[in-house]
Structure formats: C-alpha cells, structure tokens
C-alpha cells in the first residue's frame, strides 16, 4: 500500500514556504509568550510590550532564515 505525501514539505524547505500571514502569527505568539513569562507586567523601561514585539520579530526572522 502506497502512502500519499501530496502537499507535504520536507524539513529543509518548509521554512521557505511560510506565508506572510503565518509569519505574523508566529511573531504574535512569541511576543505573547514573552509577556506571559514576565507575568503580563507592562510599561516600565525593561517591561515594554513593544520591546516584546521587536524581540519576537528578530527571533522569528532568525528562526526562518536559512542559517
């Protein structure tokens, strides 16, 4: 019996096929995780939700890069 693998991406190419919308979802999820880890405390210089977002964008960009 043959198994159909139609539409399945191998582990070396799936990152190249992440849509812009999925990338934004990943960034939001990472930023939310960062906020949750610090107890959702906001608005001090070191606990800024915009900083979480900026750091999340960097993390996701690095994760999705070819390196």
PDB file of N, CA and C in Angstrom:
ATOM      1  N   UNK A   1       0.835  -1.184   0.000  1.00  0.00           N
ATOM      2  CA  UNK A   1       0.000   0.000   0.000  1.00  0.00           C
ATOM      3  C   UNK A   1       0.881   1.250   0.000  1.00  0.00           C
ATOM      4  N   UNK A   2       0.651   2.150  -0.923  1.00  0.00           N
ATOM      5  CA  UNK A   2       1.410   3.388  -1.029  1.00  0.00           C
ATOM      6  C   UNK A   2       0.768   4.477  -0.177  1.00  0.00           C
ATOM      7  N   UNK A   3       1.625   5.267   0.468  1.00  0.00           N
ATOM      8  CA  UNK A   3       1.137   6.399   1.242  1.00  0.00           C
ATOM      9  C   UNK A   3       1.326   7.663   0.419  1.00  0.00           C
ATOM     10  N   UNK A   4       0.280   8.432   0.295  1.00  0.00           N
ATOM     11  CA  UNK A   4       0.363   9.680  -0.468  1.00  0.00           C
ATOM     12  C   UNK A   4       0.969  10.769   0.400  1.00  0.00           C
ATOM     13  N   UNK A   5       1.993  11.423  -0.109  1.00  0.00           N
ATOM     14  CA  UNK A   5       2.636  12.535   0.596  1.00  0.00           C
ATOM     15  C   UNK A   5       2.383  13.851  -0.129  1.00  0.00           C
ATOM     16  N   UNK A   6       1.314  13.903  -0.844  1.00  0.00           N
ATOM     17  CA  UNK A   6       0.991  15.102  -1.607  1.00  0.00           C
ATOM     18  C   UNK A   6       0.817  16.296  -0.671  1.00  0.00           C
ATOM     19  N   UNK A   7       1.493  17.383  -0.972  1.00  0.00           N
ATOM     20  CA  UNK A   7       1.360  18.602  -0.186  1.00  0.00           C
ATOM     21  C   UNK A   7       2.228  18.646   1.058  1.00  0.00           C
ATOM     22  N   UNK A   8       3.014  17.623   1.311  1.00  0.00           N
ATOM     23  CA  UNK A   8       3.878  17.596   2.482  1.00  0.00           C
ATOM     24  C   UNK A   8       5.232  18.183   2.109  1.00  0.00           C
ATOM     25  N   UNK A   9       5.706  19.123   2.923  1.00  0.00           N
ATOM     26  CA  UNK A   9       7.001  19.755   2.686  1.00  0.00           C
ATOM     27  C   UNK A   9       8.058  19.038   3.499  1.00  0.00           C
ATOM     28  N   UNK A  10       9.233  18.874   2.921  1.00  0.00           N
ATOM     29  CA  UNK A  10      10.298  18.258   3.708  1.00  0.00           C
ATOM     30  C   UNK A  10      10.876  19.283   4.665  1.00  0.00           C
ATOM     31  N   UNK A  11      11.643  18.798   5.645  1.00  0.00           N
ATOM     32  CA  UNK A  11      12.103  19.684   6.707  1.00  0.00           C
ATOM     33  C   UNK A  11      13.086  20.751   6.249  1.00  0.00           C
ATOM     34  N   UNK A  12      13.664  20.628   5.083  1.00  0.00           N
ATOM     35  CA  UNK A  12      14.600  21.645   4.612  1.00  0.00           C
ATOM     36  C   UNK A  12      13.921  22.756   3.828  1.00  0.00           C
ATOM     37  N   UNK A  13      12.687  22.571   3.409  1.00  0.00           N
ATOM     38  CA  UNK A  13      12.038  23.602   2.594  1.00  0.00           C
ATOM     39  C   UNK A  13      10.808  24.241   3.238  1.00  0.00           C
ATOM     40  N   UNK A  14      10.320  23.707   4.330  1.00  0.00           N
ATOM     41  CA  UNK A  14       9.069  24.244   4.867  1.00  0.00           C
ATOM     42  C   UNK A  14       9.210  25.692   5.315  1.00  0.00           C
ATOM     43  N   UNK A  15      10.381  26.083   5.865  1.00  0.00           N
ATOM     44  CA  UNK A  15      10.565  27.459   6.320  1.00  0.00           C
ATOM     45  C   UNK A  15      10.447  28.457   5.169  1.00  0.00           C
ATOM     46  N   UNK A  16      10.884  28.066   3.986  1.00  0.00           N
ATOM     47  CA  UNK A  16      10.819  28.947   2.824  1.00  0.00           C
ATOM     48  C   UNK A  16       9.381  29.144   2.351  1.00  0.00           C
ATOM     49  N   UNK A  17       8.472  28.293   2.812  1.00  0.00           N
ATOM     50  CA  UNK A  17       7.090  28.359   2.367  1.00  0.00           C
ATOM     51  C   UNK A  17       6.135  28.923   3.414  1.00  0.00           C
ATOM     52  N   UNK A  18       6.666  29.561   4.454  1.00  0.00           N
ATOM     53  CA  UNK A  18       5.826  30.191   5.462  1.00  0.00           C
ATOM     54  C   UNK A  18       5.260  31.482   4.872  1.00  0.00           C
ATOM     55  N   UNK A  19       3.958  31.621   4.907  1.00  0.00           N
ATOM     56  CA  UNK A  19       3.319  32.813   4.339  1.00  0.00           C
ATOM     57  C   UNK A  19       3.538  34.020   5.251  1.00  0.00           C
ATOM     58  N   UNK A  20       3.318  35.182   4.710  1.00  0.00           N
ATOM     59  CA  UNK A  20       3.426  36.405   5.498  1.00  0.00           C
ATOM     60  C   UNK A  20       2.459  36.405   6.665  1.00  0.00           C
ATOM     61  N   UNK A  21       1.268  35.898   6.430  1.00  0.00           N
ATOM     62  CA  UNK A  21       0.261  35.828   7.486  1.00  0.00           C
ATOM     63  C   UNK A  21       0.706  34.865   8.597  1.00  0.00           C
ATOM     64  N   UNK A  22       1.259  33.728   8.216  1.00  0.00           N
ATOM     65  CA  UNK A  22       1.750  32.774   9.210  1.00  0.00           C
ATOM     66  C   UNK A  22       2.953  33.347   9.967  1.00  0.00           C
ATOM     67  N   UNK A  23       3.787  34.095   9.269  1.00  0.00           N
ATOM     68  CA  UNK A  23       4.930  34.738   9.920  1.00  0.00           C
ATOM     69  C   UNK A  23       4.440  35.707  10.989  1.00  0.00           C
ATOM     70  N   UNK A  24       3.425  36.495  10.666  1.00  0.00           N
ATOM     71  CA  UNK A  24       2.861  37.439  11.635  1.00  0.00           C
ATOM     72  C   UNK A  24       2.261  36.708  12.834  1.00  0.00           C
ATOM     73  N   UNK A  25       1.641  35.559  12.596  1.00  0.00           N
ATOM     74  CA  UNK A  25       1.087  34.761  13.694  1.00  0.00           C
ATOM     75  C   UNK A  25       2.196  34.236  14.600  1.00  0.00           C
ATOM     76  N   UNK A  26       3.297  33.818  14.002  1.00  0.00           N
ATOM     77  CA  UNK A  26       4.440  33.357  14.789  1.00  0.00           C
ATOM     78  C   UNK A  26       4.992  34.491  15.656  1.00  0.00           C
ATOM     79  N   UNK A  27       5.114  35.666  15.076  1.00  0.00           N
ATOM     80  CA  UNK A  27       5.621  36.822  15.821  1.00  0.00           C
ATOM     81  C   UNK A  27       4.698  37.133  16.996  1.00  0.00           C
ATOM     82  N   UNK A  28       3.393  37.135  16.754  1.00  0.00           N
ATOM     83  CA  UNK A  28       2.426  37.415  17.817  1.00  0.00           C
ATOM     84  C   UNK A  28       2.512  36.372  18.931  1.00  0.00           C
ATOM     85  N   UNK A  29       2.661  35.111  18.549  1.00  0.00           N
ATOM     86  CA  UNK A  29       2.747  34.039  19.541  1.00  0.00           C
ATOM     87  C   UNK A  29       4.008  34.177  20.393  1.00  0.00           C
ATOM     88  N   UNK A  30       5.123  34.514  19.767  1.00  0.00           N
ATOM     89  CA  UNK A  30       6.374  34.677  20.507  1.00  0.00           C
ATOM     90  C   UNK A  30       6.278  35.890  21.435  1.00  0.00           C
ATOM     91  N   UNK A  31       5.712  36.987  20.956  1.00  0.00           N
ATOM     92  CA  UNK A  31       5.550  38.185  21.790  1.00  0.00           C
ATOM     93  C   UNK A  31       4.633  37.892  22.982  1.00  0.00           C
ATOM     94  N   UNK A  32       3.585  37.128  22.738  1.00  0.00           N
ATOM     95  CA  UNK A  32       2.664  36.758  23.821  1.00  0.00           C
ATOM     96  C   UNK A  32       3.378  35.880  24.853  1.00  0.00           C
ATOM     97  N   UNK A  33       4.199  34.956  24.378  1.00  0.00           N
ATOM     98  CA  UNK A  33       4.965  34.100  25.294  1.00  0.00           C
ATOM     99  C   UNK A  33       5.884  34.937  26.169  1.00  0.00           C
ATOM    100  N   UNK A  34       6.526  35.927  25.564  1.00  0.00           N
ATOM    101  CA  UNK A  34       7.427  36.800  26.318  1.00  0.00           C
ATOM    102  C   UNK A  34       6.649  37.561  27.399  1.00  0.00           C
ATOM    103  N   UNK A  35       5.491  38.087  27.049  1.00  0.00           N
ATOM    104  CA  UNK A  35       4.668  38.815  28.021  1.00  0.00           C
ATOM    105  C   UNK A  35       4.186  37.884  29.136  1.00  0.00           C
ATOM    106  N   UNK A  36       3.797  36.693  28.764  1.00  0.00           N
ATOM    107  CA  UNK A  36       3.331  35.728  29.757  1.00  0.00           C
ATOM    108  C   UNK A  36       4.450  35.354  30.729  1.00  0.00           C
ATOM    109  N   UNK A  37       5.663  35.173  30.202  1.00  0.00           N
ATOM    110  CA  UNK A  37       6.802  34.798  31.037  1.00  0.00           C
ATOM    111  C   UNK A  37       7.113  35.853  32.096  1.00  0.00           C
ATOM    112  N   UNK A  38       6.816  37.110  31.813  1.00  0.00           N
ATOM    113  CA  UNK A  38       7.074  38.158  32.798  1.00  0.00           C
ATOM    114  C   UNK A  38       5.815  38.549  33.565  1.00  0.00           C
ATOM    115  N   UNK A  39       4.779  37.725  33.467  1.00  0.00           N
ATOM    116  CA  UNK A  39       3.557  37.952  34.236  1.00  0.00           C
ATOM    117  C   UNK A  39       2.667  39.055  33.695  1.00  0.00           C
ATOM    118  N   UNK A  40       2.799  39.369  32.428  1.00  0.00           N
ATOM    119  CA  UNK A  40       1.998  40.404  31.761  1.00  0.00           C
ATOM    120  C   UNK A  40       2.140  41.774  32.415  1.00  0.00           C
ATOM    121  N   UNK A  41       3.270  42.011  33.070  1.00  0.00           N
ATOM    122  CA  UNK A  41       3.539  43.337  33.632  1.00  0.00           C
ATOM    123  C   UNK A  41       4.081  44.213  32.511  1.00  0.00           C
ATOM    124  N   UNK A  42       3.575  45.428  32.402  1.00  0.00           N
ATOM    125  CA  UNK A  42       3.901  46.294  31.266  1.00  0.00           C
ATOM    126  C   UNK A  42       4.346  47.680  31.701  1.00  0.00           C
ATOM    127  N   UNK A  43       4.857  48.372  30.735  1.00  0.00           N
ATOM    128  CA  UNK A  43       5.058  49.813  30.749  1.00  0.00           C
ATOM    129  C   UNK A  43       6.074  50.314  31.770  1.00  0.00           C
ATOM    130  N   UNK A  44       7.148  49.611  31.906  1.00  0.00           N
ATOM    131  CA  UNK A  44       8.346  50.149  32.526  1.00  0.00           C
ATOM    132  C   UNK A  44       9.426  49.996  31.459  1.00  0.00           C
ATOM    133  N   UNK A  45      10.534  50.701  31.585  1.00  0.00           N
ATOM    134  CA  UNK A  45      11.538  50.639  30.513  1.00  0.00           C
ATOM    135  C   UNK A  45      11.965  49.226  30.134  1.00  0.00           C
ATOM    136  N   UNK A  46      12.084  48.343  31.129  1.00  0.00           N
ATOM    137  CA  UNK A  46      12.523  46.983  30.812  1.00  0.00           C
ATOM    138  C   UNK A  46      11.359  46.031  30.524  1.00  0.00           C
ATOM    139  N   UNK A  47      10.133  46.429  30.801  1.00  0.00           N
ATOM    140  CA  UNK A  47       8.965  45.568  30.586  1.00  0.00           C
ATOM    141  C   UNK A  47       7.976  46.260  29.652  1.00  0.00           C
ATOM    142  N   UNK A  48       8.347  46.368  28.422  1.00  0.00           N
ATOM    143  CA  UNK A  48       7.558  47.103  27.431  1.00  0.00           C
ATOM    144  C   UNK A  48       7.010  46.129  26.387  1.00  0.00           C
ATOM    145  N   UNK A  49       5.696  46.107  26.154  1.00  0.00           N
ATOM    146  CA  UNK A  49       5.156  45.195  25.148  1.00  0.00           C
ATOM    147  C   UNK A  49       5.683  45.451  23.744  1.00  0.00           C
ATOM    148  N   UNK A  50       6.052  46.679  23.438  1.00  0.00           N
ATOM    149  CA  UNK A  50       6.632  46.959  22.118  1.00  0.00           C
ATOM    150  C   UNK A  50       8.024  46.346  22.005  1.00  0.00           C
ATOM    151  N   UNK A  51       8.740  46.291  23.127  1.00  0.00           N
ATOM    152  CA  UNK A  51      10.043  45.632  23.140  1.00  0.00           C
ATOM    153  C   UNK A  51       9.853  44.130  22.909  1.00  0.00           C
ATOM    154  N   UNK A  52       8.806  43.562  23.528  1.00  0.00           N
ATOM    155  CA  UNK A  52       8.495  42.140  23.304  1.00  0.00           C
ATOM    156  C   UNK A  52       8.274  41.877  21.815  1.00  0.00           C
ATOM    157  N   UNK A  53       7.513  42.743  21.184  1.00  0.00           N
ATOM    158  CA  UNK A  53       7.204  42.581  19.768  1.00  0.00           C
ATOM    159  C   UNK A  53       8.465  42.683  18.912  1.00  0.00           C
ATOM    160  N   UNK A  54       9.303  43.662  19.210  1.00  0.00           N
ATOM    161  CA  UNK A  54      10.546  43.830  18.448  1.00  0.00           C
ATOM    162  C   UNK A  54      11.459  42.612  18.604  1.00  0.00           C
ATOM    163  N   UNK A  55      11.567  42.122  19.829  1.00  0.00           N
ATOM    164  CA  UNK A  55      12.391  40.937  20.066  1.00  0.00           C
ATOM    165  C   UNK A  55      11.797  39.707  19.387  1.00  0.00           C
ATOM    166  N   UNK A  56      10.476  39.598  19.392  1.00  0.00           N
ATOM    167  CA  UNK A  56       9.808  38.469  18.739  1.00  0.00           C
ATOM    168  C   UNK A  56      10.060  38.493  17.231  1.00  0.00           C
ATOM    169  N   UNK A  57      10.011  39.668  16.628  1.00  0.00           N
ATOM    170  CA  UNK A  57      10.281  39.780  15.192  1.00  0.00           C
ATOM    171  C   UNK A  57      11.687  39.291  14.866  1.00  0.00           C
ATOM    172  N   UNK A  58      12.649  39.650  15.694  1.00  0.00           N
ATOM    173  CA  UNK A  58      14.031  39.215  15.479  1.00  0.00           C
ATOM    174  C   UNK A  58      14.144  37.703  15.622  1.00  0.00           C
ATOM    175  N   UNK A  59      13.535  37.151  16.673  1.00  0.00           N
ATOM    176  CA  UNK A  59      13.583  35.701  16.893  1.00  0.00           C
ATOM    177  C   UNK A  59      12.991  34.929  15.724  1.00  0.00           C
ATOM    178  N   UNK A  60      11.829  35.373  15.244  1.00  0.00           N
ATOM    179  CA  UNK A  60      11.165  34.677  14.147  1.00  0.00           C
ATOM    180  C   UNK A  60      11.973  34.820  12.862  1.00  0.00           C
ATOM    181  N   UNK A  61      12.506  36.001  12.598  1.00  0.00           N
ATOM    182  CA  UNK A  61      13.342  36.196  11.407  1.00  0.00           C
ATOM    183  C   UNK A  61      14.540  35.258  11.430  1.00  0.00           C
ATOM    184  N   UNK A  62      15.209  35.174  12.585  1.00  0.00           N
ATOM    185  CA  UNK A  62      16.371  34.279  12.707  1.00  0.00           C
ATOM    186  C   UNK A  62      15.952  32.817  12.557  1.00  0.00           C
ATOM    187  N   UNK A  63      14.835  32.444  13.144  1.00  0.00           N
ATOM    188  CA  UNK A  63      14.345  31.064  13.061  1.00  0.00           C
ATOM    189  C   UNK A  63      14.033  30.671  11.623  1.00  0.00           C
ATOM    190  N   UNK A  64      13.437  31.594  10.868  1.00  0.00           N
ATOM    191  CA  UNK A  64      13.030  31.285   9.499  1.00  0.00           C
ATOM    192  C   UNK A  64      14.152  31.484   8.474  1.00  0.00           C
ATOM    193  N   UNK A  65      15.292  32.029   8.920  1.00  0.00           N
ATOM    194  CA  UNK A  65      16.383  32.244   7.983  1.00  0.00           C
ATOM    195  C   UNK A  65      17.000  30.909   7.583  1.00  0.00           C
ATOM    196  N   UNK A  66      17.785  30.944   6.536  1.00  0.00           N
ATOM    197  CA  UNK A  66      18.426  29.726   6.019  1.00  0.00           C
ATOM    198  C   UNK A  66      19.598  29.273   6.872  1.00  0.00           C
ATOM    199  N   UNK A  67      20.057  30.110   7.756  1.00  0.00           N
ATOM    200  CA  UNK A  67      21.243  29.773   8.572  1.00  0.00           C
ATOM    201  C   UNK A  67      20.928  28.739   9.613  1.00  0.00           C
TER     202      UNK A  67
END
